[in-house]
């Protein structure tokens, strides 16, 4: 089946060690919006997995086969999912004004693979993907965490959607983010913006494919 005819799909990576914590609940809030637009969704729980950090071996730069040299964890499987998705969500709780350790290791490795394959294939694995970071925090550090999550997209040919406020929810205990009305409204707005951008990218790609057939 032509991939341009398939439903749009968003893959979300939950960097929280808590499988059903506040980060998960914010992701699920976005999924409700996506499903209303017939966008397929999938969540990958990376926060409770053993993910090694980048060791700077440079193998991904040499091979450029869309894979990390470390094959003992889920990162290469996640890279395959990213390549097939239209939208990407990176979600993390705030740990000392930054993302969780698992998420940081994940970012370093998928980012390095993405950049080096761009040099060979002309496109990063994030090329024209609509990517957004979201975070859950108790008191502070949310904007710093969002910046770190979105830095990856900003240097990888991804499209970063805007919204109406910072993309985080506030809450101390599990479930508290669902009481943050401002945060939830912003998360809904972000999801709707992602849908519109993904549709625009898909429409543009279909036009390009049709043009190539005639020329």
N, C-alpha and C. Protein backbone atom coordinates (compact mmCIF):
# COMPACT_ATOMS: atom_id res chain seq x y z
N UNK A 1 0.84 -1.21 0.00
CA UNK A 1 0.00 0.00 0.00
C UNK A 1 0.87 1.25 0.00
N UNK A 2 0.52 2.20 -0.83
CA UNK A 2 1.23 3.47 -0.86
C UNK A 2 1.16 4.12 0.52
N UNK A 3 2.33 4.46 1.09
CA UNK A 3 2.35 5.03 2.44
C UNK A 3 1.60 6.35 2.51
N UNK A 4 1.48 7.05 1.38
CA UNK A 4 0.77 8.33 1.37
C UNK A 4 -0.74 8.15 1.49
N UNK A 5 -1.21 6.92 1.29
CA UNK A 5 -2.64 6.64 1.39
C UNK A 5 -3.02 6.07 2.76
N UNK A 6 -2.03 5.78 3.58
CA UNK A 6 -2.29 5.25 4.91
C UNK A 6 -2.75 6.37 5.85
N UNK A 7 -3.46 6.02 6.93
CA UNK A 7 -3.85 7.04 7.91
C UNK A 7 -2.61 7.69 8.52
N UNK A 8 -2.74 8.93 8.92
CA UNK A 8 -1.66 9.59 9.64
C UNK A 8 -1.41 8.85 10.95
N UNK A 9 -0.15 8.89 11.39
CA UNK A 9 0.18 8.19 12.63
C UNK A 9 1.12 9.02 13.49
N UNK A 10 0.85 9.01 14.80
CA UNK A 10 1.71 9.68 15.78
C UNK A 10 2.28 8.63 16.72
N UNK A 11 3.59 8.70 16.93
CA UNK A 11 4.25 7.85 17.90
C UNK A 11 4.71 8.71 19.07
N UNK A 12 4.38 8.28 20.28
CA UNK A 12 4.76 9.04 21.48
C UNK A 12 5.71 8.21 22.33
N UNK A 13 6.76 8.86 22.82
CA UNK A 13 7.73 8.20 23.69
C UNK A 13 7.61 8.78 25.09
N UNK A 14 7.24 7.93 26.03
CA UNK A 14 7.06 8.35 27.41
C UNK A 14 8.35 8.13 28.18
N UNK A 15 9.01 9.21 28.56
CA UNK A 15 10.28 9.11 29.26
C UNK A 15 10.16 9.03 30.77
N UNK A 16 8.95 8.88 31.28
CA UNK A 16 8.76 8.77 32.72
C UNK A 16 8.87 7.33 33.19
N UNK A 17 9.58 7.08 34.29
CA UNK A 17 9.61 5.72 34.85
C UNK A 17 8.23 5.26 35.33
N UNK A 18 7.33 6.19 35.56
CA UNK A 18 5.97 5.86 35.96
C UNK A 18 5.12 5.62 34.71
N UNK A 19 4.72 4.39 34.51
CA UNK A 19 3.99 4.02 33.29
C UNK A 19 2.67 4.78 33.14
N UNK A 20 1.99 5.04 34.23
CA UNK A 20 0.68 5.68 34.19
C UNK A 20 0.70 7.03 34.92
N UNK A 21 1.85 7.66 34.95
CA UNK A 21 2.00 8.92 35.67
C UNK A 21 1.47 10.12 34.89
N UNK A 22 1.86 11.31 35.32
CA UNK A 22 1.34 12.54 34.72
C UNK A 22 1.77 12.71 33.26
N UNK A 23 2.99 12.30 32.94
CA UNK A 23 3.43 12.41 31.54
C UNK A 23 2.56 11.54 30.65
N UNK A 24 2.31 10.32 31.09
CA UNK A 24 1.43 9.40 30.35
C UNK A 24 0.05 10.01 30.16
N UNK A 25 -0.48 10.64 31.19
CA UNK A 25 -1.82 11.20 31.11
C UNK A 25 -1.90 12.38 30.15
N UNK A 26 -0.83 13.16 30.07
CA UNK A 26 -0.80 14.25 29.08
C UNK A 26 -0.75 13.69 27.66
N UNK A 27 0.01 12.62 27.48
CA UNK A 27 0.07 11.98 26.17
C UNK A 27 -1.32 11.45 25.79
N UNK A 28 -1.98 10.81 26.73
CA UNK A 28 -3.32 10.28 26.46
C UNK A 28 -4.31 11.39 26.13
N UNK A 29 -4.13 12.55 26.75
CA UNK A 29 -4.99 13.70 26.43
C UNK A 29 -4.82 14.11 24.97
N UNK A 30 -3.58 14.09 24.49
CA UNK A 30 -3.33 14.41 23.09
C UNK A 30 -3.90 13.33 22.18
N UNK A 31 -3.80 12.08 22.61
CA UNK A 31 -4.30 10.97 21.80
C UNK A 31 -5.81 11.08 21.57
N UNK A 32 -6.54 11.60 22.55
CA UNK A 32 -7.98 11.78 22.37
C UNK A 32 -8.26 12.71 21.19
N UNK A 33 -7.48 13.77 21.08
CA UNK A 33 -7.64 14.71 19.96
C UNK A 33 -7.29 14.02 18.65
N UNK A 34 -6.18 13.29 18.64
CA UNK A 34 -5.75 12.61 17.42
C UNK A 34 -6.80 11.62 16.95
N UNK A 35 -7.34 10.87 17.86
CA UNK A 35 -8.32 9.84 17.50
C UNK A 35 -9.60 10.45 16.95
N UNK A 36 -9.93 11.65 17.41
CA UNK A 36 -11.10 12.36 16.85
C UNK A 36 -10.87 12.76 15.40
N UNK A 37 -9.60 12.82 15.00
CA UNK A 37 -9.24 13.16 13.61
C UNK A 37 -8.81 11.91 12.83
N UNK A 38 -9.09 10.73 13.39
CA UNK A 38 -8.74 9.46 12.73
C UNK A 38 -7.24 9.30 12.52
N UNK A 39 -6.47 9.85 13.44
CA UNK A 39 -5.02 9.69 13.41
C UNK A 39 -4.64 8.50 14.29
N UNK A 40 -3.88 7.57 13.75
CA UNK A 40 -3.46 6.41 14.52
C UNK A 40 -2.42 6.83 15.57
N UNK A 41 -2.43 6.15 16.70
CA UNK A 41 -1.52 6.51 17.79
C UNK A 41 -0.84 5.28 18.36
N UNK A 42 0.35 5.50 18.89
CA UNK A 42 1.09 4.44 19.58
C UNK A 42 1.97 5.09 20.63
N UNK A 43 2.04 4.48 21.80
CA UNK A 43 2.91 4.99 22.85
C UNK A 43 3.97 3.94 23.17
N UNK A 44 5.20 4.40 23.33
CA UNK A 44 6.31 3.52 23.70
C UNK A 44 6.84 3.98 25.05
N UNK A 45 6.83 3.08 26.00
CA UNK A 45 7.28 3.39 27.35
C UNK A 45 8.79 3.19 27.43
N UNK A 46 9.56 4.27 27.37
CA UNK A 46 11.02 4.13 27.44
C UNK A 46 11.55 4.47 28.83
N UNK A 47 10.74 5.15 29.64
CA UNK A 47 11.22 5.61 30.94
C UNK A 47 11.50 4.50 31.94
N UNK A 48 10.91 3.33 31.74
CA UNK A 48 11.13 2.21 32.65
C UNK A 48 12.03 1.15 32.03
N UNK A 49 12.65 1.47 30.90
CA UNK A 49 13.54 0.52 30.23
C UNK A 49 15.00 0.88 30.50
N UNK A 50 15.86 -0.10 30.36
CA UNK A 50 17.30 0.14 30.47
C UNK A 50 17.81 0.63 29.12
N UNK A 51 18.09 1.90 29.02
CA UNK A 51 18.58 2.49 27.78
C UNK A 51 19.98 3.04 28.00
N UNK A 52 20.92 2.50 27.26
CA UNK A 52 22.30 2.95 27.39
C UNK A 52 22.48 4.33 26.78
N UNK A 53 23.44 5.07 27.29
CA UNK A 53 23.78 6.35 26.71
C UNK A 53 24.68 6.20 25.50
N UNK A 54 24.75 7.23 24.68
CA UNK A 54 25.65 7.23 23.52
C UNK A 54 27.09 7.13 24.01
N UNK A 55 27.88 6.25 23.41
CA UNK A 55 29.27 6.08 23.81
C UNK A 55 30.24 6.75 22.84
N UNK A 56 29.70 7.47 21.88
CA UNK A 56 30.55 8.21 20.95
C UNK A 56 31.44 7.34 20.09
N UNK A 57 30.98 6.13 19.76
CA UNK A 57 31.81 5.20 18.98
C UNK A 57 31.92 5.61 17.52
N UNK A 58 30.94 6.36 17.01
CA UNK A 58 30.98 6.82 15.63
C UNK A 58 30.56 5.80 14.60
N UNK A 59 30.09 4.62 15.03
CA UNK A 59 29.70 3.58 14.08
C UNK A 59 28.51 4.04 13.23
N UNK A 60 27.57 4.76 13.84
CA UNK A 60 26.41 5.21 13.06
C UNK A 60 26.84 6.19 11.97
N UNK A 61 27.93 6.92 12.21
CA UNK A 61 28.44 7.85 11.20
C UNK A 61 29.11 7.10 10.06
N UNK A 62 29.69 5.95 10.37
CA UNK A 62 30.37 5.14 9.35
C UNK A 62 29.39 4.31 8.54
N UNK A 63 28.50 3.62 9.23
CA UNK A 63 27.56 2.72 8.54
C UNK A 63 26.41 3.47 7.88
N UNK A 64 25.85 4.43 8.60
CA UNK A 64 24.72 5.22 8.09
C UNK A 64 23.60 4.33 7.55
N UNK A 65 23.21 3.39 8.36
CA UNK A 65 22.15 2.44 7.98
C UNK A 65 20.90 2.60 8.85
N UNK A 66 20.74 3.79 9.41
CA UNK A 66 19.59 4.10 10.26
C UNK A 66 19.58 3.28 11.55
N UNK A 67 20.75 2.85 12.00
CA UNK A 67 20.82 2.06 13.22
C UNK A 67 21.94 2.55 14.13
N UNK A 68 21.70 2.36 15.44
CA UNK A 68 22.72 2.62 16.44
C UNK A 68 23.52 1.33 16.63
N UNK A 69 24.81 1.47 16.93
CA UNK A 69 25.66 0.29 17.11
C UNK A 69 25.27 -0.51 18.34
N UNK A 70 24.69 0.15 19.33
CA UNK A 70 24.24 -0.55 20.53
C UNK A 70 22.92 -1.24 20.22
N UNK A 71 22.91 -2.55 20.30
CA UNK A 71 21.72 -3.31 19.90
C UNK A 71 21.08 -4.06 21.06
N UNK A 72 21.48 -3.72 22.28
CA UNK A 72 21.00 -4.46 23.45
C UNK A 72 19.73 -3.89 24.06
N UNK A 73 19.21 -2.79 23.48
CA UNK A 73 17.99 -2.20 24.03
C UNK A 73 17.01 -1.90 22.90
N UNK A 74 16.03 -1.04 23.18
CA UNK A 74 14.92 -0.82 22.24
C UNK A 74 15.13 0.33 21.27
N UNK A 75 16.29 0.98 21.29
CA UNK A 75 16.46 2.21 20.52
C UNK A 75 16.31 2.00 19.01
N UNK A 76 16.90 0.96 18.46
CA UNK A 76 16.79 0.74 17.01
C UNK A 76 15.35 0.43 16.60
N UNK A 77 14.64 -0.28 17.45
CA UNK A 77 13.22 -0.53 17.18
C UNK A 77 12.45 0.79 17.17
N UNK A 78 12.80 1.68 18.08
CA UNK A 78 12.14 2.99 18.14
C UNK A 78 12.47 3.84 16.92
N UNK A 79 13.69 3.74 16.43
CA UNK A 79 14.08 4.47 15.22
C UNK A 79 13.22 4.03 14.04
N UNK A 80 12.97 2.73 13.92
CA UNK A 80 12.10 2.23 12.86
C UNK A 80 10.69 2.82 12.98
N UNK A 81 10.21 2.92 14.19
CA UNK A 81 8.88 3.49 14.41
C UNK A 81 8.84 4.96 14.04
N UNK A 82 9.90 5.68 14.36
CA UNK A 82 9.99 7.10 14.01
C UNK A 82 9.94 7.29 12.50
N UNK A 83 10.66 6.47 11.78
CA UNK A 83 10.73 6.60 10.33
C UNK A 83 9.37 6.38 9.67
N UNK A 84 8.52 5.58 10.30
CA UNK A 84 7.22 5.27 9.72
C UNK A 84 6.12 6.22 10.18
N UNK A 85 6.42 7.06 11.15
CA UNK A 85 5.39 7.94 11.73
C UNK A 85 5.34 9.29 11.01
N UNK A 86 4.20 9.96 11.16
CA UNK A 86 4.04 11.33 10.64
C UNK A 86 4.30 12.36 11.74
N UNK A 87 4.01 11.97 12.96
CA UNK A 87 4.21 12.87 14.09
C UNK A 87 4.90 12.17 15.24
N UNK A 88 5.66 12.93 16.02
CA UNK A 88 6.43 12.38 17.13
C UNK A 88 6.21 13.23 18.37
N UNK A 89 5.94 12.58 19.48
CA UNK A 89 5.84 13.27 20.77
C UNK A 89 6.93 12.73 21.69
N UNK A 90 7.68 13.64 22.28
CA UNK A 90 8.67 13.28 23.29
C UNK A 90 8.15 13.81 24.63
N UNK A 91 7.80 12.91 25.53
CA UNK A 91 7.24 13.32 26.81
C UNK A 91 8.15 12.94 27.96
N UNK A 92 8.31 13.86 28.91
CA UNK A 92 9.18 13.57 30.05
C UNK A 92 8.74 14.36 31.28
N UNK A 93 8.93 13.78 32.46
CA UNK A 93 8.79 14.57 33.67
C UNK A 93 10.03 15.46 33.80
N UNK A 94 9.99 16.39 34.72
CA UNK A 94 11.12 17.29 34.94
C UNK A 94 12.01 16.74 36.05
N UNK A 95 13.27 16.51 35.71
CA UNK A 95 14.27 16.08 36.69
C UNK A 95 15.35 17.16 36.76
N UNK A 96 15.36 17.93 37.82
CA UNK A 96 16.35 19.00 37.99
C UNK A 96 16.43 19.88 36.74
N UNK A 97 15.28 20.38 36.33
CA UNK A 97 15.16 21.32 35.20
C UNK A 97 15.55 20.70 33.87
N UNK A 98 15.40 19.40 33.74
CA UNK A 98 15.70 18.72 32.49
C UNK A 98 14.90 17.44 32.37
N UNK A 99 15.00 16.75 31.24
CA UNK A 99 14.27 15.49 31.06
C UNK A 99 14.86 14.37 31.91
N UNK A 100 14.15 13.28 32.01
CA UNK A 100 14.64 12.12 32.76
C UNK A 100 15.91 11.57 32.12
N UNK A 101 16.68 10.83 32.91
CA UNK A 101 17.92 10.26 32.39
C UNK A 101 17.68 9.33 31.22
N UNK A 102 16.62 8.53 31.30
CA UNK A 102 16.30 7.61 30.20
C UNK A 102 16.00 8.38 28.92
N UNK A 103 15.24 9.46 29.04
CA UNK A 103 14.91 10.26 27.87
C UNK A 103 16.15 10.92 27.29
N UNK A 104 17.04 11.40 28.15
CA UNK A 104 18.26 12.06 27.65
C UNK A 104 19.13 11.07 26.87
N UNK A 105 19.28 9.86 27.39
CA UNK A 105 20.04 8.83 26.66
C UNK A 105 19.39 8.54 25.32
N UNK A 106 18.07 8.46 25.32
CA UNK A 106 17.30 8.20 24.11
C UNK A 106 17.51 9.31 23.09
N UNK A 107 17.42 10.56 23.53
CA UNK A 107 17.60 11.71 22.63
C UNK A 107 18.97 11.70 21.98
N UNK A 108 20.00 11.47 22.79
CA UNK A 108 21.36 11.50 22.26
C UNK A 108 21.56 10.48 21.15
N UNK A 109 21.02 9.30 21.34
CA UNK A 109 21.26 8.24 20.37
C UNK A 109 20.41 8.37 19.10
N UNK A 110 19.13 8.69 19.25
CA UNK A 110 18.32 8.84 18.03
C UNK A 110 18.74 10.09 17.27
N UNK A 111 19.18 11.10 18.00
CA UNK A 111 19.63 12.33 17.35
C UNK A 111 20.89 12.11 16.53
N UNK A 112 21.83 11.39 17.10
CA UNK A 112 23.10 11.13 16.42
C UNK A 112 22.87 10.29 15.16
N UNK A 113 22.06 9.25 15.28
CA UNK A 113 21.73 8.41 14.12
C UNK A 113 21.03 9.24 13.05
N UNK A 114 20.10 10.07 13.48
CA UNK A 114 19.35 10.89 12.53
C UNK A 114 20.22 11.85 11.76
N UNK A 115 21.10 12.54 12.45
CA UNK A 115 21.96 13.54 11.81
C UNK A 115 22.92 12.89 10.82
N UNK A 116 23.54 11.77 11.21
CA UNK A 116 24.53 11.16 10.32
C UNK A 116 23.91 10.50 9.10
N UNK A 117 22.70 10.01 9.22
CA UNK A 117 22.04 9.46 8.03
C UNK A 117 21.58 10.56 7.09
N UNK A 118 21.38 11.74 7.62
CA UNK A 118 21.06 12.89 6.76
C UNK A 118 22.22 13.18 5.82
N UNK A 119 23.44 13.03 6.32
CA UNK A 119 24.62 13.30 5.50
C UNK A 119 24.72 12.35 4.32
N UNK A 120 24.26 11.11 4.48
CA UNK A 120 24.34 10.13 3.40
C UNK A 120 23.11 10.13 2.51
N UNK A 121 21.94 10.15 3.13
CA UNK A 121 20.69 9.97 2.39
C UNK A 121 20.00 11.28 2.03
N UNK A 122 20.52 12.40 2.54
CA UNK A 122 19.94 13.69 2.22
C UNK A 122 18.80 14.10 3.12
N UNK A 123 18.33 13.17 3.94
CA UNK A 123 17.22 13.45 4.84
C UNK A 123 17.48 12.82 6.20
N UNK A 124 17.21 13.58 7.24
CA UNK A 124 17.23 13.04 8.59
C UNK A 124 16.04 12.10 8.77
N UNK A 125 16.11 11.22 9.76
CA UNK A 125 14.96 10.36 10.04
C UNK A 125 13.77 11.19 10.53
N UNK A 126 14.03 12.44 10.87
CA UNK A 126 12.97 13.34 11.34
C UNK A 126 12.49 14.29 10.24
N UNK A 127 12.95 14.11 9.02
CA UNK A 127 12.65 15.04 7.94
C UNK A 127 11.14 15.17 7.73
N UNK A 128 10.64 16.39 7.90
CA UNK A 128 9.23 16.73 7.74
C UNK A 128 8.29 15.95 8.66
N UNK A 129 8.84 15.39 9.74
CA UNK A 129 7.98 14.86 10.79
C UNK A 129 7.53 16.04 11.65
N UNK A 130 6.33 15.99 12.16
CA UNK A 130 5.85 17.03 13.07
C UNK A 130 6.17 16.56 14.49
N UNK A 131 7.07 17.27 15.14
CA UNK A 131 7.56 16.83 16.44
C UNK A 131 7.33 17.82 17.56
N UNK A 132 6.90 17.31 18.71
CA UNK A 132 6.64 18.19 19.85
C UNK A 132 7.08 17.54 21.15
N UNK A 133 7.68 18.34 22.00
CA UNK A 133 8.01 17.89 23.34
C UNK A 133 6.93 18.34 24.31
N UNK A 134 6.63 17.51 25.30
CA UNK A 134 5.72 17.89 26.38
C UNK A 134 6.32 17.43 27.69
N UNK A 135 5.96 18.10 28.78
CA UNK A 135 6.51 17.70 30.07
C UNK A 135 5.49 17.89 31.18
N UNK A 136 5.75 17.20 32.27
CA UNK A 136 4.94 17.33 33.49
C UNK A 136 5.88 17.71 34.62
N UNK A 137 5.51 18.73 35.37
CA UNK A 137 6.39 19.14 36.47
C UNK A 137 5.56 19.59 37.66
N UNK A 138 6.23 19.64 38.81
CA UNK A 138 5.53 20.00 40.04
C UNK A 138 5.61 21.49 40.34
N UNK A 139 6.79 22.09 40.15
CA UNK A 139 6.93 23.50 40.52
C UNK A 139 7.69 24.33 39.52
N UNK A 140 8.76 23.80 38.94
CA UNK A 140 9.58 24.59 38.02
C UNK A 140 10.36 23.67 37.09
N UNK A 141 11.01 24.28 36.09
CA UNK A 141 11.87 23.51 35.18
C UNK A 141 11.19 23.02 33.93
N UNK A 142 9.89 23.28 33.79
CA UNK A 142 9.17 22.77 32.63
C UNK A 142 9.65 23.35 31.32
N UNK A 143 9.89 24.66 31.30
CA UNK A 143 10.31 25.29 30.04
C UNK A 143 11.71 24.85 29.64
N UNK A 144 12.60 24.65 30.62
CA UNK A 144 13.93 24.15 30.30
C UNK A 144 13.87 22.74 29.71
N UNK A 145 13.00 21.93 30.28
CA UNK A 145 12.85 20.56 29.78
C UNK A 145 12.29 20.56 28.37
N UNK A 146 11.30 21.39 28.11
CA UNK A 146 10.74 21.50 26.76
C UNK A 146 11.80 21.90 25.76
N UNK A 147 12.65 22.84 26.15
CA UNK A 147 13.71 23.29 25.25
C UNK A 147 14.61 22.13 24.87
N UNK A 148 15.01 21.32 25.85
CA UNK A 148 15.90 20.20 25.55
C UNK A 148 15.23 19.18 24.65
N UNK A 149 13.95 18.93 24.88
CA UNK A 149 13.23 17.97 24.03
C UNK A 149 13.11 18.48 22.60
N UNK A 150 12.86 19.77 22.46
CA UNK A 150 12.64 20.34 21.12
C UNK A 150 13.93 20.67 20.38
N UNK A 151 15.05 20.76 21.10
CA UNK A 151 16.33 21.01 20.43
C UNK A 151 16.59 19.95 19.37
N UNK A 152 16.25 18.71 19.69
CA UNK A 152 16.46 17.62 18.74
C UNK A 152 15.73 17.89 17.43
N UNK A 153 14.47 18.28 17.53
CA UNK A 153 13.68 18.55 16.33
C UNK A 153 14.23 19.75 15.55
N UNK A 154 14.73 20.74 16.28
CA UNK A 154 15.16 21.98 15.63
C UNK A 154 16.39 21.81 14.75
N UNK A 155 17.17 20.76 14.98
CA UNK A 155 18.38 20.54 14.17
C UNK A 155 18.25 19.31 13.27
N UNK A 156 17.02 18.80 13.12
CA UNK A 156 16.83 17.54 12.40
C UNK A 156 15.80 17.62 11.28
N UNK A 157 15.55 18.82 10.77
CA UNK A 157 14.59 19.00 9.67
C UNK A 157 13.16 18.65 10.05
N UNK A 158 12.86 18.62 11.34
CA UNK A 158 11.48 18.37 11.77
C UNK A 158 10.70 19.68 11.78
N UNK A 159 9.40 19.57 11.91
CA UNK A 159 8.52 20.73 11.99
C UNK A 159 7.97 20.80 13.41
N UNK A 160 8.26 21.89 14.11
CA UNK A 160 7.83 22.04 15.50
C UNK A 160 6.57 22.90 15.55
N UNK A 161 5.46 22.36 16.01
CA UNK A 161 4.21 23.12 16.06
C UNK A 161 4.19 24.11 17.21
N UNK A 162 3.50 25.20 16.99
CA UNK A 162 3.29 26.15 18.07
C UNK A 162 2.01 25.80 18.82
N UNK A 163 1.79 26.49 19.92
CA UNK A 163 0.55 26.30 20.67
C UNK A 163 0.19 27.62 21.34
N UNK A 164 -0.64 27.57 22.36
CA UNK A 164 -1.11 28.79 23.00
C UNK A 164 -0.42 29.08 24.32
N UNK A 165 0.45 28.17 24.76
CA UNK A 165 1.19 28.35 26.01
C UNK A 165 2.32 27.34 26.02
N UNK A 166 3.02 27.24 27.15
CA UNK A 166 4.07 26.23 27.26
C UNK A 166 3.45 24.84 27.30
N UNK A 167 4.13 23.87 26.67
CA UNK A 167 3.54 22.54 26.52
C UNK A 167 3.82 21.64 27.72
N UNK A 168 3.30 22.03 28.88
CA UNK A 168 3.44 21.17 30.05
C UNK A 168 2.21 21.25 30.94
N UNK A 169 2.11 20.24 31.80
CA UNK A 169 1.06 20.22 32.81
C UNK A 169 1.69 20.29 34.18
N UNK A 170 1.01 20.89 35.13
CA UNK A 170 1.54 21.07 36.48
C UNK A 170 0.81 20.17 37.46
N UNK A 171 1.57 19.46 38.29
CA UNK A 171 0.94 18.62 39.31
C UNK A 171 1.96 17.90 40.16
N UNK A 172 1.68 17.80 41.45
CA UNK A 172 2.59 17.10 42.36
C UNK A 172 2.34 15.60 42.35
N UNK A 173 1.09 15.22 42.49
CA UNK A 173 0.75 13.80 42.58
C UNK A 173 0.23 13.28 41.24
N UNK A 174 0.26 11.96 41.08
CA UNK A 174 -0.24 11.36 39.85
C UNK A 174 -1.71 11.73 39.66
N UNK A 175 -2.03 12.26 38.51
CA UNK A 175 -3.39 12.67 38.20
C UNK A 175 -3.64 14.15 38.36
N UNK A 176 -2.71 14.84 39.03
CA UNK A 176 -2.90 16.28 39.26
C UNK A 176 -2.91 17.09 37.96
N UNK A 177 -2.18 16.62 36.94
CA UNK A 177 -2.14 17.39 35.69
C UNK A 177 -3.51 17.46 35.03
N UNK A 178 -4.37 16.51 35.36
CA UNK A 178 -5.71 16.52 34.77
C UNK A 178 -6.61 17.57 35.41
N UNK A 179 -6.09 18.23 36.45
CA UNK A 179 -6.80 19.34 37.09
C UNK A 179 -6.28 20.69 36.60
N UNK A 180 -5.20 20.65 35.84
CA UNK A 180 -4.58 21.88 35.33
C UNK A 180 -5.31 22.30 34.05
N UNK A 181 -6.32 23.13 34.19
CA UNK A 181 -7.16 23.49 33.05
C UNK A 181 -6.39 24.22 31.96
N UNK A 182 -5.49 25.11 32.37
CA UNK A 182 -4.69 25.84 31.37
C UNK A 182 -3.78 24.87 30.62
N UNK A 183 -3.15 23.98 31.37
CA UNK A 183 -2.27 23.01 30.74
C UNK A 183 -3.00 22.09 29.78
N UNK A 184 -4.18 21.61 30.17
CA UNK A 184 -4.95 20.71 29.32
C UNK A 184 -5.43 21.40 28.05
N UNK A 185 -5.84 22.66 28.18
CA UNK A 185 -6.28 23.41 27.00
C UNK A 185 -5.13 23.56 26.03
N UNK A 186 -3.94 23.85 26.57
CA UNK A 186 -2.78 24.01 25.71
C UNK A 186 -2.39 22.70 25.04
N UNK A 187 -2.48 21.60 25.79
CA UNK A 187 -2.17 20.28 25.22
C UNK A 187 -3.14 19.94 24.09
N UNK A 188 -4.41 20.27 24.27
CA UNK A 188 -5.40 20.06 23.21
C UNK A 188 -5.08 20.91 21.98
N UNK A 189 -4.72 22.16 22.22
CA UNK A 189 -4.37 23.06 21.11
C UNK A 189 -3.14 22.55 20.37
N UNK A 190 -2.18 22.05 21.12
CA UNK A 190 -0.96 21.50 20.50
C UNK A 190 -1.29 20.31 19.62
N UNK A 191 -2.14 19.42 20.11
CA UNK A 191 -2.52 18.24 19.34
C UNK A 191 -3.25 18.63 18.05
N UNK A 192 -4.14 19.59 18.14
CA UNK A 192 -4.86 20.05 16.95
C UNK A 192 -3.90 20.68 15.94
N UNK A 193 -2.93 21.42 16.44
CA UNK A 193 -1.94 22.03 15.55
C UNK A 193 -1.11 20.96 14.86
N UNK A 194 -0.76 19.91 15.59
CA UNK A 194 -0.02 18.81 14.98
C UNK A 194 -0.82 18.16 13.86
N UNK A 195 -2.11 17.97 14.09
CA UNK A 195 -2.97 17.36 13.06
C UNK A 195 -2.96 18.20 11.79
N UNK A 196 -3.13 19.51 11.93
CA UNK A 196 -3.16 20.39 10.76
C UNK A 196 -1.84 20.35 10.00
N UNK A 197 -0.74 20.37 10.73
CA UNK A 197 0.57 20.35 10.08
C UNK A 197 0.84 19.01 9.39
N UNK A 198 0.46 17.92 10.03
CA UNK A 198 0.65 16.61 9.41
C UNK A 198 -0.16 16.49 8.13
N UNK A 199 -1.37 17.02 8.14
CA UNK A 199 -2.20 17.01 6.93
C UNK A 199 -1.55 17.82 5.82
N UNK A 200 -0.99 18.96 6.17
CA UNK A 200 -0.34 19.82 5.18
C UNK A 200 0.87 19.12 4.56
N UNK A 201 1.67 18.47 5.40
CA UNK A 201 2.84 17.75 4.90
C UNK A 201 2.41 16.60 4.00
N UNK A 202 1.40 15.85 4.41
CA UNK A 202 0.91 14.73 3.60
C UNK A 202 0.38 15.23 2.26
N UNK A 203 -0.38 16.31 2.28
CA UNK A 203 -0.93 16.88 1.05
C UNK A 203 0.18 17.31 0.10
N UNK A 204 1.22 17.93 0.66
CA UNK A 204 2.34 18.38 -0.16
C UNK A 204 3.08 17.19 -0.77
N UNK A 205 3.27 16.13 0.01
CA UNK A 205 3.96 14.95 -0.50
C UNK A 205 3.17 14.26 -1.61
N UNK A 206 1.84 14.26 -1.48
CA UNK A 206 0.99 13.67 -2.53
C UNK A 206 1.12 14.48 -3.82
N UNK A 207 1.14 15.80 -3.70
CA UNK A 207 1.31 16.67 -4.87
C UNK A 207 2.63 16.39 -5.56
N UNK A 208 3.69 16.23 -4.76
CA UNK A 208 5.01 15.97 -5.33
C UNK A 208 5.04 14.63 -6.05
N UNK A 209 4.39 13.63 -5.47
CA UNK A 209 4.37 12.31 -6.09
C UNK A 209 3.62 12.35 -7.43
N UNK A 210 2.49 13.06 -7.46
CA UNK A 210 1.73 13.17 -8.71
C UNK A 210 2.53 13.91 -9.77
N UNK A 211 3.24 14.94 -9.36
CA UNK A 211 4.04 15.72 -10.30
C UNK A 211 5.13 14.86 -10.91
N UNK A 212 5.75 14.00 -10.10
CA UNK A 212 6.81 13.13 -10.59
C UNK A 212 6.29 12.14 -11.62
N UNK A 213 5.04 11.71 -11.48
CA UNK A 213 4.46 10.76 -12.42
C UNK A 213 4.31 11.37 -13.81
N UNK A 214 4.03 12.67 -13.83
CA UNK A 214 3.80 13.34 -15.11
C UNK A 214 5.09 13.85 -15.75
N UNK A 215 6.15 13.91 -14.97
CA UNK A 215 7.40 14.40 -15.53
C UNK A 215 8.45 13.31 -15.48
